[in-house]
């Protein structure tokens, strides 16, 4: 049976390629039919010729990612392995070479699936992009990464992150505390994404200068947003009036990304989702992109894909794979 041994600069670096996790090496046999053994700075691959070559290219691409400042944790390894298995080495290379740099002190962000790659390309080419699909597909995370990269490259002057505070019925005036204290529970996911991509002191400096603004959707009314990258998260919980209001705020030299999951609407029965209406009304408008994610784009715990599938089958609303 064909074998090939890959040599790396030292044992520690070789271990980093699979996060020093024996289960990741075992997954190579399960997914590609390749047995992998790692010792003092080398990884030996054994299996069919084509499978060994795919495993070799996987490790070489992971090596390039590590040397470029990327991270290889268990989830990155398994995402890469799944892409090689389902889409091929060329697709993985395409994903891993499109690196979004948000800060010199943070790891670059890359798409993990072909669907995510199409989403990034759509945002780059269009002034308004809708990312629609299940939770865990990276819709908001990737949009924030592109926004920070655009700010870093001086393509925009500010970033505005917003989402409906539907759990509070947008009635923030009735909640205790100042504005920041009131909105933080609803905007925490956006803050979490920022902290993944920027050092804390940069976030503080940008927010103090209103270069990065995080606010509930209701606070967008009456504004014109020029030279800005605007992200509307959880858009399925915007009303039709709010969505129209938001989309008509777009000013000169600005870009908007709207993300949401049409199966997770939390509006009261007498309110209609602005995302649903926009999806139907705007899908053929020039300059607007509609990217629809599926469960194959879920990049959280592997169980999340199976949970989504089970619920879709139970509810009779299965999405295409």
C-alpha atoms as a PDB file:
ATOM      1  CA  UNK A   1       0.000   0.000   0.000  1.00  0.00           C
ATOM      2  CA  UNK A   2       1.410   3.465  -0.926  1.00  0.00           C
ATOM      3  CA  UNK A   3       2.989   5.480   1.869  1.00  0.00           C
ATOM      4  CA  UNK A   4       4.423   8.972   2.117  1.00  0.00           C
ATOM      5  CA  UNK A   5       6.208  10.708   4.959  1.00  0.00           C
ATOM      6  CA  UNK A   6       5.935  14.473   5.383  1.00  0.00           C
ATOM      7  CA  UNK A   7       8.739  16.228   7.269  1.00  0.00           C
ATOM      8  CA  UNK A   8       8.263  19.473   9.176  1.00  0.00           C
ATOM      9  CA  UNK A   9      10.567  21.847  11.019  1.00  0.00           C
ATOM     10  CA  UNK A  10      10.081  20.235  14.430  1.00  0.00           C
ATOM     11  CA  UNK A  11       7.803  17.919  16.399  1.00  0.00           C
ATOM     12  CA  UNK A  12       5.813  20.761  17.943  1.00  0.00           C
ATOM     13  CA  UNK A  13       4.963  22.258  14.548  1.00  0.00           C
ATOM     14  CA  UNK A  14       3.919  18.865  13.175  1.00  0.00           C
ATOM     15  CA  UNK A  15       1.617  18.386  16.164  1.00  0.00           C
ATOM     16  CA  UNK A  16       0.064  21.829  15.622  1.00  0.00           C
ATOM     17  CA  UNK A  17      -1.086  20.716  12.170  1.00  0.00           C
ATOM     18  CA  UNK A  18      -3.650  18.409  13.794  1.00  0.00           C
ATOM     19  CA  UNK A  19      -3.886  20.283  17.133  1.00  0.00           C
ATOM     20  CA  UNK A  20      -1.967  17.418  18.776  1.00  0.00           C
ATOM     21  CA  UNK A  21      -5.248  15.515  18.851  1.00  0.00           C
ATOM     22  CA  UNK A  22      -5.043  11.779  17.996  1.00  0.00           C
ATOM     23  CA  UNK A  23      -8.740  11.780  17.075  1.00  0.00           C
ATOM     24  CA  UNK A  24      -7.999  14.167  14.219  1.00  0.00           C
ATOM     25  CA  UNK A  25      -5.430  11.751  12.794  1.00  0.00           C
ATOM     26  CA  UNK A  26      -7.941   8.935  13.243  1.00  0.00           C
ATOM     27  CA  UNK A  27     -10.506  10.997  11.317  1.00  0.00           C
ATOM     28  CA  UNK A  28      -8.215  10.843   8.270  1.00  0.00           C
ATOM     29  CA  UNK A  29      -8.797   7.100   8.119  1.00  0.00           C
ATOM     30  CA  UNK A  30     -12.541   7.482   8.622  1.00  0.00           C
ATOM     31  CA  UNK A  31     -12.981  10.232   5.996  1.00  0.00           C
ATOM     32  CA  UNK A  32     -10.219   9.542   3.457  1.00  0.00           C
ATOM     33  CA  UNK A  33      -9.135   5.983   4.155  1.00  0.00           C
ATOM     34  CA  UNK A  34      -5.622   7.131   5.120  1.00  0.00           C
ATOM     35  CA  UNK A  35      -3.814   5.905   8.216  1.00  0.00           C
ATOM     36  CA  UNK A  36      -1.656   8.670   9.745  1.00  0.00           C
ATOM     37  CA  UNK A  37       1.123   8.343  12.305  1.00  0.00           C
ATOM     38  CA  UNK A  38       3.008  11.311  13.744  1.00  0.00           C
ATOM     39  CA  UNK A  39       6.404  11.170  15.414  1.00  0.00           C
ATOM     40  CA  UNK A  40       9.440  13.458  15.846  1.00  0.00           C
ATOM     41  CA  UNK A  41       8.579  16.175  13.331  1.00  0.00           C
ATOM     42  CA  UNK A  42       7.114  13.901  10.674  1.00  0.00           C
ATOM     43  CA  UNK A  43       3.714  12.529   9.675  1.00  0.00           C
ATOM     44  CA  UNK A  44       3.524   9.223   7.814  1.00  0.00           C
ATOM     45  CA  UNK A  45       0.510   8.600   5.558  1.00  0.00           C
ATOM     46  CA  UNK A  46      -0.578   5.165   4.328  1.00  0.00           C
ATOM     47  CA  UNK A  47      -3.493   4.327   2.037  1.00  0.00           C
ATOM     48  CA  UNK A  48      -4.584   4.416  -1.582  1.00  0.00           C
ATOM     49  CA  UNK A  49      -2.455   6.604  -3.844  1.00  0.00           C
ATOM     50  CA  UNK A  50      -5.156   9.227  -4.489  1.00  0.00           C
ATOM     51  CA  UNK A  51      -6.186   9.319  -0.835  1.00  0.00           C
ATOM     52  CA  UNK A  52      -2.589   9.740   0.359  1.00  0.00           C
ATOM     53  CA  UNK A  53      -2.101  12.608  -2.075  1.00  0.00           C
ATOM     54  CA  UNK A  54      -5.262  14.341  -0.799  1.00  0.00           C
ATOM     55  CA  UNK A  55      -4.126  13.898   2.815  1.00  0.00           C
ATOM     56  CA  UNK A  56      -0.676  15.238   1.903  1.00  0.00           C
ATOM     57  CA  UNK A  57      -2.173  18.348   0.288  1.00  0.00           C
ATOM     58  CA  UNK A  58      -4.402  18.834   3.334  1.00  0.00           C
ATOM     59  CA  UNK A  59      -1.367  18.966   5.639  1.00  0.00           C
ATOM     60  CA  UNK A  60       0.572  21.225   3.279  1.00  0.00           C
ATOM     61  CA  UNK A  61      -2.326  23.690   3.175  1.00  0.00           C
ATOM     62  CA  UNK A  62      -2.638  23.594   6.960  1.00  0.00           C
ATOM     63  CA  UNK A  63       1.122  24.213   7.159  1.00  0.00           C
ATOM     64  CA  UNK A  64       0.733  27.309   4.983  1.00  0.00           C
ATOM     65  CA  UNK A  65      -2.148  28.523   7.131  1.00  0.00           C
ATOM     66  CA  UNK A  66      -0.128  28.133  10.338  1.00  0.00           C
ATOM     67  CA  UNK A  67       2.873  29.936   8.889  1.00  0.00           C
ATOM     68  CA  UNK A  68       0.554  32.723   7.757  1.00  0.00           C
ATOM     69  CA  UNK A  69      -0.703  33.288  11.299  1.00  0.00           C
ATOM     70  CA  UNK A  70      -3.798  31.091  11.110  1.00  0.00           C
ATOM     71  CA  UNK A  71      -5.070  28.757  13.790  1.00  0.00           C
ATOM     72  CA  UNK A  72      -5.540  25.002  13.531  1.00  0.00           C
ATOM     73  CA  UNK A  73      -7.880  23.911  16.266  1.00  0.00           C
ATOM     74  CA  UNK A  74     -10.017  20.790  16.150  1.00  0.00           C
ATOM     75  CA  UNK A  75     -12.805  22.585  14.309  1.00  0.00           C
ATOM     76  CA  UNK A  76     -10.456  24.070  11.686  1.00  0.00           C
ATOM     77  CA  UNK A  77      -8.906  20.659  11.070  1.00  0.00           C
ATOM     78  CA  UNK A  78     -12.288  18.955  10.681  1.00  0.00           C
ATOM     79  CA  UNK A  79     -13.674  21.721   8.459  1.00  0.00           C
ATOM     80  CA  UNK A  80     -10.628  21.384   6.196  1.00  0.00           C
ATOM     81  CA  UNK A  81     -10.884  17.596   6.154  1.00  0.00           C
ATOM     82  CA  UNK A  82     -14.585  17.722   5.270  1.00  0.00           C
ATOM     83  CA  UNK A  83     -13.925  20.128   2.405  1.00  0.00           C
ATOM     84  CA  UNK A  84     -11.222  17.830   1.013  1.00  0.00           C
ATOM     85  CA  UNK A  85     -13.572  14.858   1.301  1.00  0.00           C
ATOM     86  CA  UNK A  86     -16.659  16.522  -0.186  1.00  0.00           C
ATOM     87  CA  UNK A  87     -15.286  19.203  -2.518  1.00  0.00           C
ATOM     88  CA  UNK A  88     -11.635  18.375  -3.193  1.00  0.00           C
ATOM     89  CA  UNK A  89      -8.211  19.861  -2.517  1.00  0.00           C
ATOM     90  CA  UNK A  90      -8.604  22.665  -5.061  1.00  0.00           C
ATOM     91  CA  UNK A  91     -11.659  23.982  -3.224  1.00  0.00           C
ATOM     92  CA  UNK A  92      -9.834  23.924   0.114  1.00  0.00           C
ATOM     93  CA  UNK A  93      -6.899  25.783  -1.423  1.00  0.00           C
ATOM     94  CA  UNK A  94      -9.295  28.411  -2.776  1.00  0.00           C
ATOM     95  CA  UNK A  95     -10.856  28.847   0.664  1.00  0.00           C
ATOM     96  CA  UNK A  96      -7.610  29.016   2.614  1.00  0.00           C
ATOM     97  CA  UNK A  97      -5.857  31.476   0.309  1.00  0.00           C
ATOM     98  CA  UNK A  98      -8.651  34.060   0.641  1.00  0.00           C
ATOM     99  CA  UNK A  99      -7.520  35.498   3.972  1.00  0.00           C
ATOM    100  CA  UNK A 100      -9.346  38.433   5.589  1.00  0.00           C
ATOM    101  CA  UNK A 101      -6.914  40.412   7.742  1.00  0.00           C
ATOM    102  CA  UNK A 102      -8.672  42.380  10.479  1.00  0.00           C
ATOM    103  CA  UNK A 103      -5.682  43.100  12.738  1.00  0.00           C
ATOM    104  CA  UNK A 104      -1.974  42.327  12.830  1.00  0.00           C
ATOM    105  CA  UNK A 105      -2.541  40.855  16.290  1.00  0.00           C
ATOM    106  CA  UNK A 106      -5.376  38.494  15.390  1.00  0.00           C
ATOM    107  CA  UNK A 107      -5.541  35.448  13.147  1.00  0.00           C
ATOM    108  CA  UNK A 108      -6.838  36.037   9.633  1.00  0.00           C
ATOM    109  CA  UNK A 109     -10.404  34.937   8.908  1.00  0.00           C
ATOM    110  CA  UNK A 110     -11.169  32.544   6.054  1.00  0.00           C
ATOM    111  CA  UNK A 111     -14.286  30.964   4.632  1.00  0.00           C
ATOM    112  CA  UNK A 112     -14.783  27.375   5.764  1.00  0.00           C
ATOM    113  CA  UNK A 113     -17.232  26.212   3.061  1.00  0.00           C
ATOM    114  CA  UNK A 114     -17.874  26.999  -0.622  1.00  0.00           C
ATOM    115  CA  UNK A 115     -21.154  28.639   0.449  1.00  0.00           C
ATOM    116  CA  UNK A 116     -19.273  30.993   2.749  1.00  0.00           C
ATOM    117  CA  UNK A 117     -16.831  31.778  -0.085  1.00  0.00           C
ATOM    118  CA  UNK A 118     -19.733  32.728  -2.388  1.00  0.00           C
ATOM    119  CA  UNK A 119     -21.059  34.965   0.387  1.00  0.00           C
ATOM    120  CA  UNK A 120     -17.728  36.804   0.736  1.00  0.00           C
ATOM    121  CA  UNK A 121     -17.513  37.320  -3.011  1.00  0.00           C
ATOM    122  CA  UNK A 122     -21.089  38.618  -3.124  1.00  0.00           C
ATOM    123  CA  UNK A 123     -20.416  41.171  -0.366  1.00  0.00           C
ATOM    124  CA  UNK A 124     -17.309  42.390  -2.155  1.00  0.00           C
ATOM    125  CA  UNK A 125     -19.172  42.837  -5.454  1.00  0.00           C
ATOM    126  CA  UNK A 126     -22.482  44.278  -4.236  1.00  0.00           C
ATOM    127  CA  UNK A 127     -23.564  47.287  -2.198  1.00  0.00           C
ATOM    128  CA  UNK A 128     -26.360  45.291  -0.525  1.00  0.00           C
ATOM    129  CA  UNK A 129     -26.067  41.598   0.311  1.00  0.00           C
ATOM    130  CA  UNK A 130     -28.520  39.331   2.120  1.00  0.00           C
ATOM    131  CA  UNK A 131     -27.140  36.268   3.908  1.00  0.00           C
ATOM    132  CA  UNK A 132     -30.041  33.945   4.721  1.00  0.00           C
ATOM    133  CA  UNK A 133     -29.786  30.570   6.400  1.00  0.00           C
ATOM    134  CA  UNK A 134     -29.547  28.569   9.615  1.00  0.00           C
ATOM    135  CA  UNK A 135     -27.588  29.521  12.719  1.00  0.00           C
ATOM    136  CA  UNK A 136     -23.897  28.661  12.765  1.00  0.00           C
ATOM    137  CA  UNK A 137     -23.224  29.320   9.076  1.00  0.00           C
ATOM    138  CA  UNK A 138     -20.957  32.321   9.738  1.00  0.00           C
ATOM    139  CA  UNK A 139     -23.283  34.922   8.199  1.00  0.00           C
ATOM    140  CA  UNK A 140     -22.618  37.624  10.781  1.00  0.00           C
ATOM    141  CA  UNK A 141     -19.047  36.607  11.618  1.00  0.00           C
ATOM    142  CA  UNK A 142     -17.816  36.864   8.031  1.00  0.00           C
ATOM    143  CA  UNK A 143     -19.654  40.149   7.468  1.00  0.00           C
ATOM    144  CA  UNK A 144     -17.960  41.643  10.543  1.00  0.00           C
ATOM    145  CA  UNK A 145     -14.584  40.409   9.261  1.00  0.00           C
ATOM    146  CA  UNK A 146     -15.070  42.110   5.892  1.00  0.00           C
ATOM    147  CA  UNK A 147     -16.268  45.278   7.623  1.00  0.00           C
ATOM    148  CA  UNK A 148     -13.135  45.433   9.791  1.00  0.00           C
ATOM    149  CA  UNK A 149     -10.916  44.729   6.777  1.00  0.00           C
ATOM    150  CA  UNK A 150     -12.621  47.553   4.853  1.00  0.00           C
ATOM    151  CA  UNK A 151     -12.070  49.907   7.800  1.00  0.00           C
ATOM    152  CA  UNK A 152      -8.421  48.847   8.057  1.00  0.00           C
ATOM    153  CA  UNK A 153      -7.922  49.547   4.342  1.00  0.00           C
ATOM    154  CA  UNK A 154      -9.696  52.948   4.625  1.00  0.00           C
ATOM    155  CA  UNK A 155     -12.452  51.847   2.249  1.00  0.00           C
ATOM    156  CA  UNK A 156     -15.057  52.996   4.792  1.00  0.00           C
ATOM    157  CA  UNK A 157     -14.935  55.546   7.597  1.00  0.00           C
ATOM    158  CA  UNK A 158     -17.053  53.646  10.108  1.00  0.00           C
ATOM    159  CA  UNK A 159     -18.852  50.416  10.896  1.00  0.00           C
ATOM    160  CA  UNK A 160     -22.406  50.222  12.168  1.00  0.00           C
ATOM    161  CA  UNK A 161     -23.649  46.966  13.689  1.00  0.00           C
ATOM    162  CA  UNK A 162     -27.335  46.726  14.462  1.00  0.00           C
ATOM    163  CA  UNK A 163     -30.054  44.212  15.212  1.00  0.00           C
ATOM    164  CA  UNK A 164     -33.689  44.361  16.375  1.00  0.00           C
ATOM    165  CA  UNK A 165     -34.149  44.250  20.151  1.00  0.00           C
ATOM    166  CA  UNK A 166     -37.306  42.242  19.638  1.00  0.00           C
ATOM    167  CA  UNK A 167     -37.076  40.510  23.005  1.00  0.00           C
ATOM    168  CA  UNK A 168     -37.578  43.914  24.607  1.00  0.00           C
ATOM    169  CA  UNK A 169     -40.219  44.871  22.098  1.00  0.00           C
ATOM    170  CA  UNK A 170     -37.857  47.732  21.145  1.00  0.00           C
ATOM    171  CA  UNK A 171     -39.282  49.449  24.262  1.00  0.00           C
ATOM    172  CA  UNK A 172     -35.836  50.124  25.658  1.00  0.00           C
ATOM    173  CA  UNK A 173     -37.023  53.218  27.469  1.00  0.00           C
ATOM    174  CA  UNK A 174     -38.797  51.017  29.981  1.00  0.00           C
ATOM    175  CA  UNK A 175     -35.679  49.058  30.877  1.00  0.00           C
ATOM    176  CA  UNK A 176     -33.416  50.113  33.773  1.00  0.00           C
ATOM    177  CA  UNK A 177     -29.964  51.609  33.200  1.00  0.00           C
ATOM    178  CA  UNK A 178     -28.334  53.727  30.514  1.00  0.00           C
ATOM    179  CA  UNK A 179     -28.512  52.948  26.796  1.00  0.00           C
ATOM    180  CA  UNK A 180     -25.358  50.813  26.768  1.00  0.00           C
ATOM    181  CA  UNK A 181     -26.572  48.657  29.661  1.00  0.00           C
ATOM    182  CA  UNK A 182     -29.985  48.238  28.037  1.00  0.00           C
ATOM    183  CA  UNK A 183     -28.834  47.156  24.610  1.00  0.00           C
ATOM    184  CA  UNK A 184     -25.844  44.971  25.496  1.00  0.00           C
ATOM    185  CA  UNK A 185     -27.816  41.743  26.120  1.00  0.00           C
ATOM    186  CA  UNK A 186     -29.269  42.006  22.602  1.00  0.00           C
ATOM    187  CA  UNK A 187     -26.033  43.033  20.893  1.00  0.00           C
ATOM    188  CA  UNK A 188     -23.640  40.670  22.692  1.00  0.00           C
ATOM    189  CA  UNK A 189     -23.151  38.360  19.658  1.00  0.00           C
ATOM    190  CA  UNK A 190     -21.876  41.308  17.622  1.00  0.00           C
ATOM    191  CA  UNK A 191     -19.512  42.278  20.419  1.00  0.00           C
ATOM    192  CA  UNK A 192     -18.242  38.695  20.629  1.00  0.00           C
ATOM    193  CA  UNK A 193     -17.388  38.703  16.915  1.00  0.00           C
ATOM    194  CA  UNK A 194     -15.494  41.988  17.293  1.00  0.00           C
ATOM    195  CA  UNK A 195     -13.436  40.628  20.197  1.00  0.00           C
ATOM    196  CA  UNK A 196     -12.439  37.623  18.082  1.00  0.00           C
ATOM    197  CA  UNK A 197     -10.986  39.917  15.424  1.00  0.00           C
ATOM    198  CA  UNK A 198      -9.673  43.043  17.184  1.00  0.00           C
ATOM    199  CA  UNK A 199      -7.680  43.635  20.375  1.00  0.00           C
ATOM    200  CA  UNK A 200      -9.825  45.034  23.196  1.00  0.00           C
ATOM    201  CA  UNK A 201      -8.062  48.406  23.231  1.00  0.00           C
ATOM    202  CA  UNK A 202      -8.753  48.912  19.513  1.00  0.00           C
ATOM    203  CA  UNK A 203     -12.433  48.136  20.027  1.00  0.00           C
ATOM    204  CA  UNK A 204     -12.592  50.616  22.887  1.00  0.00           C
ATOM    205  CA  UNK A 205     -10.834  53.319  20.889  1.00  0.00           C
ATOM    206  CA  UNK A 206     -13.079  52.827  17.856  1.00  0.00           C
ATOM    207  CA  UNK A 207     -16.289  52.790  19.898  1.00  0.00           C
ATOM    208  CA  UNK A 208     -15.310  55.901  21.859  1.00  0.00           C
ATOM    209  CA  UNK A 209     -14.773  57.731  18.565  1.00  0.00           C
ATOM    210  CA  UNK A 210     -17.962  56.276  17.021  1.00  0.00           C
ATOM    211  CA  UNK A 211     -15.868  54.628  14.321  1.00  0.00           C
ATOM    212  CA  UNK A 212     -17.572  51.393  15.386  1.00  0.00           C
ATOM    213  CA  UNK A 213     -21.152  51.838  16.518  1.00  0.00           C
ATOM    214  CA  UNK A 214     -23.363  49.100  17.936  1.00  0.00           C
ATOM    215  CA  UNK A 215     -27.002  50.084  18.292  1.00  0.00           C
ATOM    216  CA  UNK A 216     -30.520  48.634  18.148  1.00  0.00           C
ATOM    217  CA  UNK A 217     -32.311  48.884  14.815  1.00  0.00           C
ATOM    218  CA  UNK A 218     -34.819  51.424  16.134  1.00  0.00           C
ATOM    219  CA  UNK A 219     -31.965  53.942  16.470  1.00  0.00           C
ATOM    220  CA  UNK A 220     -31.300  53.912  12.706  1.00  0.00           C
ATOM    221  CA  UNK A 221     -34.456  55.881  11.925  1.00  0.00           C
ATOM    222  CA  UNK A 222     -33.913  59.313  10.378  1.00  0.00           C
ATOM    223  CA  UNK A 223     -30.227  58.787   9.595  1.00  0.00           C
ATOM    224  CA  UNK A 224     -28.315  58.746   6.305  1.00  0.00           C
ATOM    225  CA  UNK A 225     -25.299  56.469   6.472  1.00  0.00           C
ATOM    226  CA  UNK A 226     -22.448  57.571   4.204  1.00  0.00           C
ATOM    227  CA  UNK A 227     -18.975  55.984   3.893  1.00  0.00           C
ATOM    228  CA  UNK A 228     -20.114  53.182   6.189  1.00  0.00           C
ATOM    229  CA  UNK A 229     -20.220  49.388   6.350  1.00  0.00           C
ATOM    230  CA  UNK A 230     -23.560  48.535   7.949  1.00  0.00           C
ATOM    231  CA  UNK A 231     -24.562  45.080   9.199  1.00  0.00           C
ATOM    232  CA  UNK A 232     -28.130  44.235  10.184  1.00  0.00           C
ATOM    233  CA  UNK A 233     -28.087  41.014  12.184  1.00  0.00           C
ATOM    234  CA  UNK A 234     -31.090  38.804  13.076  1.00  0.00           C
ATOM    235  CA  UNK A 235     -33.039  40.572  10.339  1.00  0.00           C
ATOM    236  CA  UNK A 236     -35.859  38.025  10.468  1.00  0.00           C
ATOM    237  CA  UNK A 237     -36.999  39.878  13.592  1.00  0.00           C
ATOM    238  CA  UNK A 238     -37.253  43.231  11.864  1.00  0.00           C
ATOM    239  CA  UNK A 239     -40.744  44.290  10.851  1.00  0.00           C
ATOM    240  CA  UNK A 240     -41.547  45.165   7.247  1.00  0.00           C
ATOM    241  CA  UNK A 241     -41.502  48.850   8.196  1.00  0.00           C
ATOM    242  CA  UNK A 242     -38.142  48.556   9.948  1.00  0.00           C
ATOM    243  CA  UNK A 243     -36.549  46.715   7.022  1.00  0.00           C
ATOM    244  CA  UNK A 244     -37.718  49.359   4.551  1.00  0.00           C
ATOM    245  CA  UNK A 245     -36.464  52.057   6.894  1.00  0.00           C
ATOM    246  CA  UNK A 246     -33.078  50.364   7.210  1.00  0.00           C
ATOM    247  CA  UNK A 247     -32.554  49.782   3.498  1.00  0.00           C
ATOM    248  CA  UNK A 248     -33.376  53.408   2.686  1.00  0.00           C
ATOM    249  CA  UNK A 249     -30.702  54.656   5.139  1.00  0.00           C
ATOM    250  CA  UNK A 250     -27.921  53.594   2.764  1.00  0.00           C
ATOM    251  CA  UNK A 251     -25.844  56.597   1.707  1.00  0.00           C
ATOM    252  CA  UNK A 252     -22.963  57.247  -0.676  1.00  0.00           C
ATOM    253  CA  UNK A 253     -19.947  54.911  -0.689  1.00  0.00           C
ATOM    254  CA  UNK A 254     -21.645  52.561   1.781  1.00  0.00           C
ATOM    255  CA  UNK A 255     -22.215  48.838   1.911  1.00  0.00           C
ATOM    256  CA  UNK A 256     -24.945  46.946   3.773  1.00  0.00           C
ATOM    257  CA  UNK A 257     -25.128  43.288   4.772  1.00  0.00           C
ATOM    258  CA  UNK A 258     -28.384  41.859   6.116  1.00  0.00           C
ATOM    259  CA  UNK A 259     -28.299  38.472   7.850  1.00  0.00           C
ATOM    260  CA  UNK A 260     -31.037  36.281   9.238  1.00  0.00           C
ATOM    261  CA  UNK A 261     -32.751  32.913   9.496  1.00  0.00           C
ATOM    262  CA  UNK A 262     -36.281  32.817   8.135  1.00  0.00           C
ATOM    263  CA  UNK A 263     -37.131  29.838  10.356  1.00  0.00           C
ATOM    264  CA  UNK A 264     -36.328  31.710  13.596  1.00  0.00           C
ATOM    265  CA  UNK A 265     -38.835  34.579  13.605  1.00  0.00           C
ATOM    266  CA  UNK A 266     -39.692  35.842  17.101  1.00  0.00           C
ATOM    267  CA  UNK A 267     -42.100  38.620  16.129  1.00  0.00           C
ATOM    268  CA  UNK A 268     -45.619  38.728  17.588  1.00  0.00           C
ATOM    269  CA  UNK A 269     -48.338  37.208  15.355  1.00  0.00           C
ATOM    270  CA  UNK A 270     -49.607  40.597  14.181  1.00  0.00           C
ATOM    271  CA  UNK A 271     -46.175  41.615  12.842  1.00  0.00           C
ATOM    272  CA  UNK A 272     -44.689  40.447   9.537  1.00  0.00           C
ATOM    273  CA  UNK A 273     -40.980  39.786   9.026  1.00  0.00           C
ATOM    274  CA  UNK A 274     -39.149  42.383   7.002  1.00  0.00           C
ATOM    275  CA  UNK A 275     -36.623  39.756   5.918  1.00  0.00           C
ATOM    276  CA  UNK A 276     -39.293  37.563   4.358  1.00  0.00           C
ATOM    277  CA  UNK A 277     -40.734  40.500   2.423  1.00  0.00           C
ATOM    278  CA  UNK A 278     -37.315  41.758   1.300  1.00  0.00           C
ATOM    279  CA  UNK A 279     -36.303  38.269   0.162  1.00  0.00           C
ATOM    280  CA  UNK A 280     -39.333  38.115  -2.123  1.00  0.00           C
ATOM    281  CA  UNK A 281     -39.366  41.751  -3.262  1.00  0.00           C
ATOM    282  CA  UNK A 282     -35.669  42.387  -3.904  1.00  0.00           C
ATOM    283  CA  UNK A 283     -34.267  39.134  -5.246  1.00  0.00           C
ATOM    284  CA  UNK A 284     -34.147  40.417  -8.850  1.00  0.00           C
ATOM    285  CA  UNK A 285     -32.969  43.961  -8.120  1.00  0.00           C
ATOM    286  CA  UNK A 286     -29.622  44.844  -9.721  1.00  0.00           C
ATOM    287  CA  UNK A 287     -26.929  45.595  -7.151  1.00  0.00           C
ATOM    288  CA  UNK A 288     -28.462  43.342  -4.486  1.00  0.00           C
ATOM    289  CA  UNK A 289     -27.167  39.830  -3.808  1.00  0.00           C
ATOM    290  CA  UNK A 290     -29.143  37.069  -2.089  1.00  0.00           C
ATOM    291  CA  UNK A 291     -27.000  34.259  -0.688  1.00  0.00           C
ATOM    292  CA  UNK A 292     -28.843  31.296   0.820  1.00  0.00           C
ATOM    293  CA  UNK A 293     -26.913  29.036   3.187  1.00  0.00           C
ATOM    294  CA  UNK A 294     -27.725  25.405   3.910  1.00  0.00           C
ATOM    295  CA  UNK A 295     -26.855  23.039   6.734  1.00  0.00           C
ATOM    296  CA  UNK A 296     -23.663  22.113   4.835  1.00  0.00           C
ATOM    297  CA  UNK A 297     -22.401  25.602   5.697  1.00  0.00           C
ATOM    298  CA  UNK A 298     -22.817  25.142   9.458  1.00  0.00           C
ATOM    299  CA  UNK A 299     -19.400  25.530  11.071  1.00  0.00           C
ATOM    300  CA  UNK A 300     -20.276  24.970  14.717  1.00  0.00           C
ATOM    301  CA  UNK A 301     -20.162  21.628  16.531  1.00  0.00           C
ATOM    302  CA  UNK A 302     -20.834  18.762  14.054  1.00  0.00           C
ATOM    303  CA  UNK A 303     -23.983  17.922  16.012  1.00  0.00           C
ATOM    304  CA  UNK A 304     -25.511  21.256  14.999  1.00  0.00           C
ATOM    305  CA  UNK A 305     -25.907  20.069  11.387  1.00  0.00           C
ATOM    306  CA  UNK A 306     -27.663  16.922  12.555  1.00  0.00           C
ATOM    307  CA  UNK A 307     -29.887  18.890  14.950  1.00  0.00           C
ATOM    308  CA  UNK A 308     -30.953  21.237  12.129  1.00  0.00           C
ATOM    309  CA  UNK A 309     -31.687  18.276   9.845  1.00  0.00           C
ATOM    310  CA  UNK A 310     -33.739  16.496  12.511  1.00  0.00           C
ATOM    311  CA  UNK A 311     -35.845  19.580  13.244  1.00  0.00           C
ATOM    312  CA  UNK A 312     -36.402  20.298   9.546  1.00  0.00           C
ATOM    313  CA  UNK A 313     -37.612  16.737   8.990  1.00  0.00           C
ATOM    314  CA  UNK A 314     -39.805  16.901  12.083  1.00  0.00           C
ATOM    315  CA  UNK A 315     -41.367  20.186  10.946  1.00  0.00           C
ATOM    316  CA  UNK A 316     -41.605  19.174   7.299  1.00  0.00           C
ATOM    317  CA  UNK A 317     -39.564  22.153   6.103  1.00  0.00           C
ATOM    318  CA  UNK A 318     -36.315  20.571   4.972  1.00  0.00           C
ATOM    319  CA  UNK A 319     -33.896  22.909   3.207  1.00  0.00           C
ATOM    320  CA  UNK A 320     -31.925  21.687   0.210  1.00  0.00           C
ATOM    321  CA  UNK A 321     -28.560  20.207   1.186  1.00  0.00           C
END
